[in-house]
Amino acid sequence: MTDPRANPAPLGLMGFGMTTVLLSFHNAGFFETDDLIIAMAIFYGGLAQVIAGILEYRKGNTFGMTAFVSYGMFWLTLVYIILAGGSETLTVGHDTTFMGWYLFMWGLFTAYMFVGTLYKNRALQVVFGSLALTFWLLAVGDWFTAETITNVAGYLGIFCGSSAIYLAAAEVLNDSAGRTLLPVGTVTPKGTTTAVDEMPPLEPTVEHPREGDLFGRRS
């Protein structure tokens, strides 16, 4: 029988994408950090992603669970760092070198998650690849107090967040239409002729299996 549970990936992707774009506007130098970003980081980037991760766990999706819960906690820890420092900036009140290592470690985590996307789809690879670079550029910007590098990381973050929003839209619209409206770029593993997102379901009796979600699971 077809799994009737909804796909939580669009929720997590939108929470990540929208919050990333807004914070990246700050990193690019367009706006100062204010309560708008703090609120998004707590509720949409943080709590919504954690909820999506828990739902991915219930579907047996290790990759989706790890990604959404981890990045949800990233936003919550970042908010705590900002508030605990008694400042509305990401550096004042904190050792910028240590903040750089915080961002570097998140980049390291994202890098190995990027390797996991090599077996998923092209659009997901874009999200994780650009995110890893964004974290590392932000780390370098803090290590060397280089505002220009931080600004470049901001522009890259806007691109990364926008690509996550695209993925969320693709998942919702493609599912609603029952066909591909927004392509995500399926991946065909070596030695096979079937793309990952088009692999047949485990249950051979399903007459109309739904398209696999963005993390390669079947809904």
N, C-alpha and C. Protein backbone atom coordinates (compact mmCIF):
# COMPACT_ATOMS: atom_id res chain seq x y z
N MET A 1 0.84 -1.20 0.00
CA MET A 1 0.00 0.00 0.00
C MET A 1 0.87 1.24 0.00
N THR A 2 0.37 2.30 -0.61
CA THR A 2 1.10 3.56 -0.66
C THR A 2 1.11 4.21 0.71
N ASP A 3 2.27 4.74 1.11
CA ASP A 3 2.38 5.43 2.38
C ASP A 3 1.57 6.72 2.32
N PRO A 4 0.56 6.89 3.19
CA PRO A 4 -0.31 8.07 3.11
C PRO A 4 0.27 9.31 3.78
N ARG A 5 1.40 9.18 4.44
CA ARG A 5 1.95 10.32 5.17
C ARG A 5 2.50 11.38 4.22
N ALA A 6 2.33 12.64 4.61
CA ALA A 6 2.82 13.76 3.79
C ALA A 6 4.34 13.81 3.81
N ASN A 7 4.91 14.39 2.77
CA ASN A 7 6.34 14.56 2.66
C ASN A 7 6.77 15.83 3.40
N PRO A 8 7.60 15.71 4.46
CA PRO A 8 7.98 16.88 5.25
C PRO A 8 9.11 17.71 4.64
N ALA A 9 9.71 17.24 3.54
CA ALA A 9 10.86 17.94 2.97
C ALA A 9 10.58 19.40 2.59
N PRO A 10 9.45 19.72 1.94
CA PRO A 10 9.21 21.13 1.60
C PRO A 10 9.17 22.05 2.81
N LEU A 11 8.61 21.58 3.93
CA LEU A 11 8.57 22.38 5.14
C LEU A 11 9.98 22.70 5.62
N GLY A 12 10.81 21.67 5.72
CA GLY A 12 12.18 21.89 6.17
C GLY A 12 12.98 22.76 5.23
N LEU A 13 12.82 22.54 3.93
CA LEU A 13 13.55 23.32 2.95
C LEU A 13 13.15 24.79 2.96
N MET A 14 11.85 25.06 3.12
CA MET A 14 11.40 26.44 3.18
C MET A 14 11.89 27.12 4.45
N GLY A 15 11.83 26.41 5.57
CA GLY A 15 12.35 26.99 6.81
C GLY A 15 13.82 27.33 6.69
N PHE A 16 14.58 26.43 6.09
CA PHE A 16 16.01 26.68 5.89
C PHE A 16 16.23 27.79 4.88
N GLY A 17 15.55 27.70 3.73
CA GLY A 17 15.81 28.62 2.63
C GLY A 17 15.46 30.06 2.95
N MET A 18 14.26 30.30 3.48
CA MET A 18 13.84 31.66 3.76
C MET A 18 14.71 32.30 4.84
N THR A 19 15.03 31.55 5.89
CA THR A 19 15.86 32.10 6.97
C THR A 19 17.27 32.38 6.48
N THR A 20 17.80 31.49 5.65
CA THR A 20 19.14 31.68 5.11
C THR A 20 19.21 32.94 4.23
N VAL A 21 18.21 33.14 3.40
CA VAL A 21 18.20 34.33 2.54
C VAL A 21 18.17 35.60 3.38
N LEU A 22 17.32 35.63 4.40
CA LEU A 22 17.21 36.83 5.22
C LEU A 22 18.51 37.13 5.97
N LEU A 23 19.13 36.11 6.57
CA LEU A 23 20.40 36.34 7.27
C LEU A 23 21.50 36.73 6.28
N SER A 24 21.45 36.16 5.09
CA SER A 24 22.46 36.47 4.09
C SER A 24 22.34 37.91 3.59
N PHE A 25 21.12 38.48 3.61
CA PHE A 25 20.98 39.90 3.31
C PHE A 25 21.81 40.72 4.28
N HIS A 26 21.82 40.30 5.55
CA HIS A 26 22.66 40.98 6.55
C HIS A 26 24.14 40.77 6.26
N ASN A 27 24.54 39.52 5.97
CA ASN A 27 25.95 39.24 5.72
C ASN A 27 26.46 39.96 4.47
N ALA A 28 25.57 40.16 3.50
CA ALA A 28 25.97 40.87 2.28
C ALA A 28 26.04 42.37 2.49
N GLY A 29 25.56 42.84 3.64
CA GLY A 29 25.66 44.26 3.94
C GLY A 29 24.44 45.09 3.62
N PHE A 30 23.32 44.43 3.30
CA PHE A 30 22.12 45.17 2.95
C PHE A 30 21.35 45.68 4.17
N PHE A 31 21.32 44.87 5.24
CA PHE A 31 20.55 45.21 6.43
C PHE A 31 21.32 44.83 7.68
N GLU A 32 20.96 45.47 8.80
CA GLU A 32 21.48 45.06 10.10
C GLU A 32 20.64 43.90 10.62
N THR A 33 21.23 43.12 11.53
CA THR A 33 20.47 42.05 12.16
C THR A 33 19.42 42.66 13.08
N ASP A 34 18.17 42.22 13.00
CA ASP A 34 17.14 42.73 13.89
C ASP A 34 16.22 41.61 14.33
N ASP A 35 15.14 41.97 15.00
CA ASP A 35 14.23 40.96 15.55
C ASP A 35 13.58 40.10 14.48
N LEU A 36 13.48 40.62 13.27
CA LEU A 36 12.89 39.85 12.18
C LEU A 36 13.68 38.57 11.93
N ILE A 37 15.00 38.69 11.84
CA ILE A 37 15.84 37.53 11.60
C ILE A 37 15.83 36.60 12.81
N ILE A 38 15.87 37.18 14.03
CA ILE A 38 15.84 36.37 15.24
C ILE A 38 14.57 35.53 15.29
N ALA A 39 13.43 36.15 14.98
CA ALA A 39 12.15 35.43 15.02
C ALA A 39 12.12 34.31 13.98
N MET A 40 12.58 34.60 12.76
CA MET A 40 12.61 33.57 11.72
C MET A 40 13.53 32.42 12.12
N ALA A 41 14.68 32.75 12.72
CA ALA A 41 15.64 31.72 13.10
C ALA A 41 15.10 30.82 14.19
N ILE A 42 14.30 31.36 15.10
CA ILE A 42 13.75 30.54 16.18
C ILE A 42 12.61 29.65 15.68
N PHE A 43 11.65 30.27 14.98
CA PHE A 43 10.41 29.56 14.70
C PHE A 43 10.39 28.82 13.36
N TYR A 44 10.89 29.44 12.31
CA TYR A 44 10.81 28.78 11.00
C TYR A 44 12.10 28.04 10.67
N GLY A 45 13.22 28.72 10.79
CA GLY A 45 14.49 28.05 10.55
C GLY A 45 14.81 27.02 11.61
N GLY A 46 14.39 27.28 12.86
CA GLY A 46 14.69 26.37 13.95
C GLY A 46 13.63 25.32 14.18
N LEU A 47 12.50 25.72 14.77
CA LEU A 47 11.48 24.74 15.17
C LEU A 47 10.88 24.00 13.98
N ALA A 48 10.58 24.71 12.90
CA ALA A 48 9.95 24.05 11.75
C ALA A 48 10.87 22.99 11.16
N GLN A 49 12.18 23.26 11.11
CA GLN A 49 13.12 22.27 10.58
C GLN A 49 13.24 21.06 11.50
N VAL A 50 13.24 21.30 12.81
CA VAL A 50 13.31 20.19 13.75
C VAL A 50 12.07 19.30 13.60
N ILE A 51 10.90 19.92 13.46
CA ILE A 51 9.67 19.15 13.25
C ILE A 51 9.78 18.33 11.96
N ALA A 52 10.28 18.96 10.89
CA ALA A 52 10.44 18.25 9.62
C ALA A 52 11.40 17.07 9.78
N GLY A 53 12.46 17.27 10.55
CA GLY A 53 13.42 16.20 10.77
C GLY A 53 12.82 15.03 11.52
N ILE A 54 11.99 15.32 12.52
CA ILE A 54 11.32 14.26 13.28
C ILE A 54 10.38 13.47 12.36
N LEU A 55 9.69 14.19 11.47
CA LEU A 55 8.80 13.51 10.53
C LEU A 55 9.59 12.67 9.53
N GLU A 56 10.79 13.14 9.13
CA GLU A 56 11.64 12.34 8.25
C GLU A 56 12.09 11.06 8.97
N TYR A 57 12.33 11.15 10.26
CA TYR A 57 12.69 9.97 11.05
C TYR A 57 11.57 8.93 11.00
N ARG A 58 10.33 9.40 11.11
CA ARG A 58 9.20 8.48 11.08
C ARG A 58 9.06 7.81 9.72
N LYS A 59 9.60 8.45 8.67
CA LYS A 59 9.55 7.85 7.34
C LYS A 59 10.79 7.00 7.05
N GLY A 60 11.70 6.92 8.03
CA GLY A 60 12.90 6.11 7.84
C GLY A 60 13.97 6.77 7.00
N ASN A 61 13.95 8.09 6.92
CA ASN A 61 14.91 8.82 6.08
C ASN A 61 16.04 9.37 6.95
N THR A 62 17.15 8.66 7.03
CA THR A 62 18.28 9.07 7.87
C THR A 62 18.87 10.39 7.40
N PHE A 63 19.04 10.55 6.09
CA PHE A 63 19.63 11.77 5.55
C PHE A 63 18.77 12.99 5.89
N GLY A 64 17.46 12.90 5.59
CA GLY A 64 16.57 14.03 5.85
C GLY A 64 16.47 14.35 7.32
N MET A 65 16.40 13.33 8.17
CA MET A 65 16.32 13.55 9.61
C MET A 65 17.56 14.26 10.12
N THR A 66 18.74 13.79 9.70
CA THR A 66 19.99 14.38 10.15
C THR A 66 20.12 15.82 9.68
N ALA A 67 19.78 16.07 8.43
CA ALA A 67 19.91 17.41 7.87
C ALA A 67 18.98 18.40 8.56
N PHE A 68 17.69 18.09 8.63
CA PHE A 68 16.73 19.05 9.15
C PHE A 68 16.90 19.31 10.64
N VAL A 69 17.10 18.26 11.43
CA VAL A 69 17.29 18.47 12.87
C VAL A 69 18.57 19.25 13.12
N SER A 70 19.63 18.92 12.40
CA SER A 70 20.92 19.60 12.61
C SER A 70 20.84 21.08 12.25
N TYR A 71 20.29 21.40 11.09
CA TYR A 71 20.23 22.81 10.70
C TYR A 71 19.18 23.58 11.51
N GLY A 72 18.15 22.88 11.98
CA GLY A 72 17.22 23.53 12.89
C GLY A 72 17.93 23.93 14.17
N MET A 73 18.77 23.04 14.68
CA MET A 73 19.54 23.35 15.88
C MET A 73 20.61 24.40 15.61
N PHE A 74 21.12 24.44 14.39
CA PHE A 74 22.08 25.50 14.05
C PHE A 74 21.44 26.87 14.27
N TRP A 75 20.21 27.05 13.75
CA TRP A 75 19.57 28.36 13.90
C TRP A 75 19.29 28.67 15.36
N LEU A 76 18.90 27.68 16.13
CA LEU A 76 18.61 27.92 17.55
C LEU A 76 19.89 28.26 18.31
N THR A 77 20.98 27.57 18.02
CA THR A 77 22.24 27.90 18.70
C THR A 77 22.76 29.27 18.28
N LEU A 78 22.56 29.63 17.02
CA LEU A 78 23.01 30.93 16.55
C LEU A 78 22.25 32.05 17.26
N VAL A 79 20.94 31.86 17.43
CA VAL A 79 20.15 32.85 18.16
C VAL A 79 20.65 32.98 19.59
N TYR A 80 20.95 31.86 20.23
CA TYR A 80 21.46 31.92 21.60
C TYR A 80 22.79 32.66 21.67
N ILE A 81 23.66 32.40 20.70
CA ILE A 81 24.96 33.07 20.67
C ILE A 81 24.77 34.58 20.58
N ILE A 82 23.86 35.01 19.70
CA ILE A 82 23.61 36.43 19.52
C ILE A 82 23.04 37.05 20.79
N LEU A 83 22.03 36.40 21.37
CA LEU A 83 21.38 36.95 22.56
C LEU A 83 22.28 36.89 23.78
N ALA A 84 23.06 35.83 23.92
CA ALA A 84 23.95 35.70 25.07
C ALA A 84 25.06 36.73 25.02
N GLY A 85 25.41 37.18 23.81
CA GLY A 85 26.46 38.19 23.68
C GLY A 85 25.95 39.59 23.95
N GLY A 86 24.65 39.74 24.16
CA GLY A 86 24.10 41.05 24.44
C GLY A 86 24.23 42.01 23.30
N SER A 87 24.18 41.48 22.06
CA SER A 87 24.38 42.34 20.90
C SER A 87 23.49 41.88 19.77
N GLU A 88 23.21 42.77 18.84
CA GLU A 88 22.41 42.43 17.67
C GLU A 88 23.30 42.06 16.48
N THR A 89 24.58 41.91 16.70
CA THR A 89 25.47 41.50 15.62
C THR A 89 25.94 40.09 15.89
N LEU A 90 26.62 39.50 14.89
CA LEU A 90 27.08 38.12 15.04
C LEU A 90 28.46 38.04 15.66
N THR A 91 29.13 39.18 15.87
CA THR A 91 30.51 39.13 16.34
C THR A 91 30.75 39.91 17.62
N VAL A 92 30.08 41.04 17.80
CA VAL A 92 30.33 41.85 18.99
C VAL A 92 29.95 41.06 20.23
N GLY A 93 30.85 41.03 21.21
CA GLY A 93 30.60 40.28 22.43
C GLY A 93 31.10 38.85 22.35
N HIS A 94 31.69 38.47 21.22
CA HIS A 94 32.21 37.12 21.06
C HIS A 94 33.62 37.19 20.47
N ASP A 95 34.40 36.14 20.73
CA ASP A 95 35.71 36.00 20.12
C ASP A 95 35.48 35.64 18.65
N THR A 96 35.86 36.53 17.74
CA THR A 96 35.58 36.28 16.32
C THR A 96 36.33 35.06 15.81
N THR A 97 37.52 34.79 16.36
CA THR A 97 38.26 33.60 15.93
C THR A 97 37.51 32.33 16.30
N PHE A 98 36.97 32.31 17.52
CA PHE A 98 36.21 31.14 17.95
C PHE A 98 34.92 31.02 17.16
N MET A 99 34.30 32.16 16.83
CA MET A 99 33.09 32.14 16.00
C MET A 99 33.42 31.56 14.63
N GLY A 100 34.61 31.85 14.14
CA GLY A 100 35.05 31.28 12.87
C GLY A 100 35.11 29.77 12.93
N TRP A 101 35.60 29.24 14.05
CA TRP A 101 35.67 27.78 14.18
C TRP A 101 34.28 27.17 14.30
N TYR A 102 33.36 27.88 14.93
CA TYR A 102 31.97 27.43 14.98
C TYR A 102 31.42 27.27 13.57
N LEU A 103 31.63 28.28 12.74
CA LEU A 103 31.15 28.24 11.36
C LEU A 103 31.89 27.20 10.53
N PHE A 104 33.18 27.05 10.80
CA PHE A 104 33.97 26.05 10.07
C PHE A 104 33.44 24.65 10.33
N MET A 105 33.11 24.35 11.60
CA MET A 105 32.61 23.02 11.93
C MET A 105 31.28 22.74 11.24
N TRP A 106 30.43 23.76 11.12
CA TRP A 106 29.18 23.57 10.39
C TRP A 106 29.46 23.36 8.90
N GLY A 107 30.49 24.00 8.40
CA GLY A 107 30.87 23.75 7.01
C GLY A 107 31.38 22.34 6.81
N LEU A 108 32.11 21.83 7.79
CA LEU A 108 32.62 20.46 7.71
C LEU A 108 31.47 19.46 7.71
N PHE A 109 30.50 19.67 8.58
CA PHE A 109 29.32 18.82 8.60
C PHE A 109 28.59 18.86 7.25
N THR A 110 28.43 20.07 6.72
CA THR A 110 27.72 20.23 5.45
C THR A 110 28.48 19.57 4.31
N ALA A 111 29.81 19.58 4.37
CA ALA A 111 30.62 18.98 3.31
C ALA A 111 30.38 17.48 3.22
N TYR A 112 30.31 16.80 4.37
CA TYR A 112 30.08 15.35 4.26
C TYR A 112 28.63 15.05 3.92
N MET A 113 27.73 15.94 4.30
CA MET A 113 26.35 15.77 3.86
C MET A 113 26.25 15.99 2.35
N PHE A 114 27.08 16.88 1.82
CA PHE A 114 27.12 17.10 0.37
C PHE A 114 27.51 15.82 -0.35
N VAL A 115 28.45 15.07 0.20
CA VAL A 115 28.84 13.79 -0.40
C VAL A 115 27.61 12.87 -0.49
N GLY A 116 26.76 12.92 0.54
CA GLY A 116 25.54 12.11 0.51
C GLY A 116 24.59 12.52 -0.60
N THR A 117 24.61 13.80 -0.98
CA THR A 117 23.70 14.27 -2.03
C THR A 117 24.13 13.79 -3.41
N LEU A 118 25.35 13.28 -3.54
CA LEU A 118 25.81 12.77 -4.84
C LEU A 118 24.96 11.58 -5.29
N TYR A 119 24.22 10.99 -4.34
CA TYR A 119 23.37 9.85 -4.66
C TYR A 119 21.89 10.26 -4.68
N LYS A 120 21.62 11.57 -4.61
CA LYS A 120 20.24 12.07 -4.57
C LYS A 120 19.87 12.72 -5.89
N ASN A 121 19.93 14.07 -5.95
CA ASN A 121 19.62 14.76 -7.20
C ASN A 121 20.46 16.02 -7.31
N ARG A 122 20.52 16.59 -8.51
CA ARG A 122 21.41 17.72 -8.78
C ARG A 122 21.04 18.96 -7.97
N ALA A 123 19.74 19.22 -7.85
CA ALA A 123 19.32 20.42 -7.14
C ALA A 123 19.75 20.37 -5.68
N LEU A 124 19.64 19.19 -5.06
CA LEU A 124 20.07 19.04 -3.67
C LEU A 124 21.58 19.23 -3.55
N GLN A 125 22.32 18.80 -4.55
CA GLN A 125 23.77 19.00 -4.55
C GLN A 125 24.11 20.49 -4.56
N VAL A 126 23.34 21.27 -5.31
CA VAL A 126 23.57 22.72 -5.36
C VAL A 126 23.37 23.34 -3.98
N VAL A 127 22.30 22.93 -3.29
CA VAL A 127 22.01 23.48 -1.96
C VAL A 127 23.16 23.19 -1.00
N PHE A 128 23.55 21.94 -0.88
CA PHE A 128 24.56 21.57 0.10
C PHE A 128 25.95 22.03 -0.30
N GLY A 129 26.26 22.01 -1.59
CA GLY A 129 27.57 22.49 -2.03
C GLY A 129 27.74 23.97 -1.77
N SER A 130 26.75 24.77 -2.11
CA SER A 130 26.84 26.22 -1.89
C SER A 130 26.79 26.54 -0.39
N LEU A 131 26.08 25.73 0.39
CA LEU A 131 26.03 25.98 1.83
C LEU A 131 27.38 25.72 2.49
N ALA A 132 28.05 24.65 2.10
CA ALA A 132 29.37 24.37 2.67
C ALA A 132 30.34 25.53 2.38
N LEU A 133 30.33 26.03 1.13
CA LEU A 133 31.19 27.15 0.78
C LEU A 133 30.81 28.41 1.56
N THR A 134 29.51 28.61 1.77
CA THR A 134 29.06 29.78 2.53
C THR A 134 29.59 29.73 3.96
N PHE A 135 29.47 28.59 4.61
CA PHE A 135 29.98 28.46 5.98
C PHE A 135 31.48 28.74 6.04
N TRP A 136 32.23 28.18 5.11
CA TRP A 136 33.68 28.35 5.15
C TRP A 136 34.11 29.77 4.83
N LEU A 137 33.41 30.43 3.93
CA LEU A 137 33.71 31.84 3.67
C LEU A 137 33.40 32.70 4.88
N LEU A 138 32.30 32.41 5.55
CA LEU A 138 31.98 33.15 6.78
C LEU A 138 33.04 32.92 7.85
N ALA A 139 33.54 31.68 7.92
CA ALA A 139 34.59 31.36 8.89
C ALA A 139 35.85 32.17 8.59
N VAL A 140 36.25 32.20 7.33
CA VAL A 140 37.44 32.97 6.94
C VAL A 140 37.23 34.45 7.23
N GLY A 141 36.02 34.94 6.96
CA GLY A 141 35.73 36.34 7.23
C GLY A 141 35.88 36.68 8.70
N ASP A 142 35.51 35.76 9.60
CA ASP A 142 35.67 35.99 11.03
C ASP A 142 37.13 35.83 11.46
N TRP A 143 37.81 34.83 10.93
CA TRP A 143 39.20 34.61 11.31
C TRP A 143 40.08 35.82 11.00
N PHE A 144 39.85 36.42 9.85
CA PHE A 144 40.71 37.53 9.40
C PHE A 144 40.01 38.89 9.47
N THR A 145 38.83 38.92 10.09
CA THR A 145 38.04 40.15 10.20
C THR A 145 37.96 40.82 8.83
N ALA A 146 37.61 40.02 7.84
CA ALA A 146 37.56 40.49 6.45
C ALA A 146 36.11 40.70 6.04
N GLU A 147 35.66 41.94 6.09
CA GLU A 147 34.27 42.24 5.78
C GLU A 147 33.92 41.90 4.34
N THR A 148 34.88 42.08 3.43
CA THR A 148 34.61 41.79 2.02
C THR A 148 34.28 40.31 1.82
N ILE A 149 35.03 39.43 2.48
CA ILE A 149 34.78 38.00 2.36
C ILE A 149 33.41 37.65 2.96
N THR A 150 33.07 38.28 4.07
CA THR A 150 31.76 38.05 4.68
C THR A 150 30.65 38.50 3.73
N ASN A 151 30.87 39.62 3.05
CA ASN A 151 29.87 40.09 2.07
C ASN A 151 29.71 39.11 0.92
N VAL A 152 30.83 38.56 0.44
CA VAL A 152 30.77 37.55 -0.63
C VAL A 152 30.00 36.32 -0.14
N ALA A 153 30.26 35.92 1.10
CA ALA A 153 29.53 34.79 1.69
C ALA A 153 28.04 35.09 1.76
N GLY A 154 27.70 36.36 2.00
CA GLY A 154 26.30 36.75 2.04
C GLY A 154 25.62 36.55 0.70
N TYR A 155 26.29 36.97 -0.38
CA TYR A 155 25.71 36.77 -1.71
C TYR A 155 25.56 35.28 -2.03
N LEU A 156 26.57 34.49 -1.64
CA LEU A 156 26.49 33.05 -1.88
C LEU A 156 25.37 32.44 -1.04
N GLY A 157 25.17 32.94 0.18
CA GLY A 157 24.10 32.46 1.03
C GLY A 157 22.72 32.76 0.45
N ILE A 158 22.60 33.94 -0.20
CA ILE A 158 21.33 34.27 -0.85
C ILE A 158 21.03 33.26 -1.96
N PHE A 159 22.07 32.92 -2.72
CA PHE A 159 21.91 31.91 -3.76
C PHE A 159 21.54 30.56 -3.17
N CYS A 160 22.22 30.17 -2.09
CA CYS A 160 21.97 28.87 -1.45
C CYS A 160 20.54 28.80 -0.93
N GLY A 161 20.11 29.83 -0.21
CA GLY A 161 18.76 29.84 0.32
C GLY A 161 17.71 29.83 -0.77
N SER A 162 17.98 30.55 -1.85
CA SER A 162 17.04 30.58 -2.98
C SER A 162 16.94 29.21 -3.63
N SER A 163 18.06 28.49 -3.71
CA SER A 163 18.02 27.15 -4.31
C SER A 163 17.21 26.19 -3.43
N ALA A 164 17.26 26.37 -2.11
CA ALA A 164 16.45 25.54 -1.23
C ALA A 164 14.97 25.85 -1.39
N ILE A 165 14.64 27.13 -1.57
CA ILE A 165 13.25 27.52 -1.82
C ILE A 165 12.76 26.90 -3.13
N TYR A 166 13.62 26.89 -4.15
CA TYR A 166 13.27 26.26 -5.42
C TYR A 166 12.95 24.78 -5.23
N LEU A 167 13.78 24.10 -4.43
CA LEU A 167 13.55 22.68 -4.17
C LEU A 167 12.22 22.45 -3.47
N ALA A 168 11.92 23.30 -2.50
CA ALA A 168 10.65 23.16 -1.80
C ALA A 168 9.48 23.36 -2.76
N ALA A 169 9.59 24.37 -3.62
CA ALA A 169 8.54 24.63 -4.60
C ALA A 169 8.39 23.46 -5.56
N ALA A 170 9.52 22.89 -5.99
CA ALA A 170 9.48 21.76 -6.91
C ALA A 170 8.78 20.57 -6.28
N GLU A 171 9.07 20.31 -5.01
CA GLU A 171 8.46 19.16 -4.35
C GLU A 171 6.95 19.34 -4.24
N VAL A 172 6.51 20.53 -3.88
CA VAL A 172 5.08 20.77 -3.71
C VAL A 172 4.36 20.77 -5.06
N LEU A 173 4.88 21.52 -6.02
CA LEU A 173 4.19 21.67 -7.30
C LEU A 173 4.23 20.38 -8.12
N ASN A 174 5.36 19.67 -8.11
CA ASN A 174 5.43 18.42 -8.85
C ASN A 174 4.48 17.37 -8.28
N ASP A 175 4.36 17.36 -6.95
CA ASP A 175 3.44 16.41 -6.32
C ASP A 175 1.99 16.79 -6.62
N SER A 176 1.69 18.09 -6.58
CA SER A 176 0.32 18.53 -6.83
C SER A 176 -0.10 18.26 -8.27
N ALA A 177 0.81 18.48 -9.21
CA ALA A 177 0.49 18.31 -10.62
C ALA A 177 0.57 16.86 -11.08
N GLY A 178 1.27 16.03 -10.33
CA GLY A 178 1.44 14.64 -10.74
C GLY A 178 2.42 14.48 -11.87
N ARG A 179 3.19 15.52 -12.13
CA ARG A 179 4.21 15.48 -13.18
C ARG A 179 5.27 16.53 -12.85
N THR A 180 6.36 16.52 -13.60
CA THR A 180 7.45 17.43 -13.31
C THR A 180 7.19 18.82 -13.90
N LEU A 181 6.97 19.78 -13.03
CA LEU A 181 6.85 21.18 -13.44
C LEU A 181 8.18 21.91 -13.25
N LEU A 182 8.86 21.58 -12.15
CA LEU A 182 10.18 22.16 -11.85
C LEU A 182 11.18 21.01 -11.73
N PRO A 183 12.08 20.85 -12.67
CA PRO A 183 13.02 19.73 -12.63
C PRO A 183 14.04 19.88 -11.50
N VAL A 184 14.44 18.75 -10.92
CA VAL A 184 15.46 18.76 -9.87
C VAL A 184 16.73 18.04 -10.29
N GLY A 185 16.72 17.38 -11.45
CA GLY A 185 17.92 16.73 -11.96
C GLY A 185 18.19 15.40 -11.29
N THR A 186 17.54 14.35 -11.77
CA THR A 186 17.74 13.03 -11.18
C THR A 186 19.14 12.51 -11.49
N VAL A 187 19.61 11.63 -10.61
CA VAL A 187 20.95 11.06 -10.73
C VAL A 187 20.84 9.58 -11.03
N THR A 188 21.55 9.11 -12.03
CA THR A 188 21.59 7.69 -12.37
C THR A 188 22.92 7.10 -11.90
N PRO A 189 22.91 6.24 -10.87
CA PRO A 189 24.16 5.63 -10.39
C PRO A 189 24.83 4.81 -11.48
N LYS A 190 26.16 4.73 -11.42
CA LYS A 190 26.91 3.95 -12.39
C LYS A 190 26.49 2.49 -12.33
N GLY A 191 26.35 1.90 -13.51
CA GLY A 191 25.98 0.49 -13.59
C GLY A 191 24.49 0.25 -13.59
N THR A 192 23.70 1.37 -13.55
CA THR A 192 22.25 1.22 -13.59
C THR A 192 21.69 2.07 -14.71
N THR A 193 20.44 1.83 -15.03
CA THR A 193 19.78 2.61 -16.08
C THR A 193 18.59 3.38 -15.55
N THR A 194 18.38 3.31 -14.21
CA THR A 194 17.23 3.97 -13.60
C THR A 194 17.69 5.08 -12.69
N ALA A 195 17.12 6.28 -12.83
CA ALA A 195 17.49 7.41 -11.99
C ALA A 195 17.04 7.15 -10.56
N VAL A 196 17.76 7.74 -9.60
CA VAL A 196 17.47 7.51 -8.19
C VAL A 196 16.04 7.88 -7.86
N ASP A 197 15.59 9.04 -8.32
CA ASP A 197 14.25 9.50 -7.97
C ASP A 197 13.15 8.74 -8.70
N GLU A 198 13.53 7.81 -9.57
CA GLU A 198 12.54 7.07 -10.31
C GLU A 198 12.61 5.58 -10.02
N MET A 199 13.32 5.21 -8.95
CA MET A 199 13.45 3.80 -8.61
C MET A 199 12.10 3.23 -8.24
N PRO A 200 11.81 1.97 -8.63
CA PRO A 200 10.50 1.38 -8.32
C PRO A 200 10.35 1.18 -6.83
N PRO A 201 9.11 1.18 -6.33
CA PRO A 201 8.87 1.00 -4.89
C PRO A 201 9.19 -0.42 -4.46
N LEU A 202 9.34 -0.58 -3.13
CA LEU A 202 9.63 -1.91 -2.60
C LEU A 202 8.42 -2.82 -2.74
N GLU A 203 7.21 -2.22 -2.73
CA GLU A 203 6.00 -3.01 -2.82
C GLU A 203 5.59 -3.15 -4.29
N PRO A 204 5.73 -4.35 -4.89
CA PRO A 204 5.43 -4.50 -6.32
C PRO A 204 3.95 -4.40 -6.65
N THR A 205 3.06 -4.40 -5.63
CA THR A 205 1.63 -4.38 -5.91
C THR A 205 1.08 -2.97 -6.09
N VAL A 206 1.89 -1.94 -5.81
CA VAL A 206 1.41 -0.57 -5.96
C VAL A 206 1.27 -0.24 -7.44
N GLU A 207 0.08 0.16 -7.86
CA GLU A 207 -0.15 0.42 -9.27
C GLU A 207 0.33 1.78 -9.72
N HIS A 208 0.23 2.79 -8.83
CA HIS A 208 0.62 4.15 -9.20
C HIS A 208 1.52 4.74 -8.12
N PRO A 209 2.78 4.30 -8.06
CA PRO A 209 3.68 4.82 -7.03
C PRO A 209 3.94 6.30 -7.26
N ARG A 210 4.04 7.06 -6.17
CA ARG A 210 4.34 8.48 -6.27
C ARG A 210 5.82 8.68 -6.46
N GLU A 211 6.16 9.81 -7.03
CA GLU A 211 7.56 10.13 -7.30
C GLU A 211 8.32 10.25 -5.99
N GLY A 212 9.58 9.78 -5.96
CA GLY A 212 10.39 9.87 -4.75
C GLY A 212 10.59 11.31 -4.35
N ASP A 213 10.75 11.54 -3.02
CA ASP A 213 10.93 12.91 -2.58
C ASP A 213 12.35 13.36 -2.83
N LEU A 214 12.66 14.58 -2.41
CA LEU A 214 13.95 15.18 -2.76
C LEU A 214 15.12 14.49 -2.10
N PHE A 215 14.88 13.69 -1.05
CA PHE A 215 15.97 13.00 -0.38
C PHE A 215 16.05 11.53 -0.80
N GLY A 216 15.32 11.18 -1.86
CA GLY A 216 15.43 9.83 -2.39
C GLY A 216 14.52 8.83 -1.74
N ARG A 217 13.67 9.29 -0.78
CA ARG A 217 12.73 8.39 -0.16
C ARG A 217 11.44 8.35 -0.96
N ARG A 218 10.64 7.35 -0.73
CA ARG A 218 9.37 7.25 -1.41
C ARG A 218 8.26 7.58 -0.43
N SER A 219 7.30 8.42 -0.86
CA SER A 219 6.23 8.82 0.05
C SER A 219 5.08 7.83 0.00
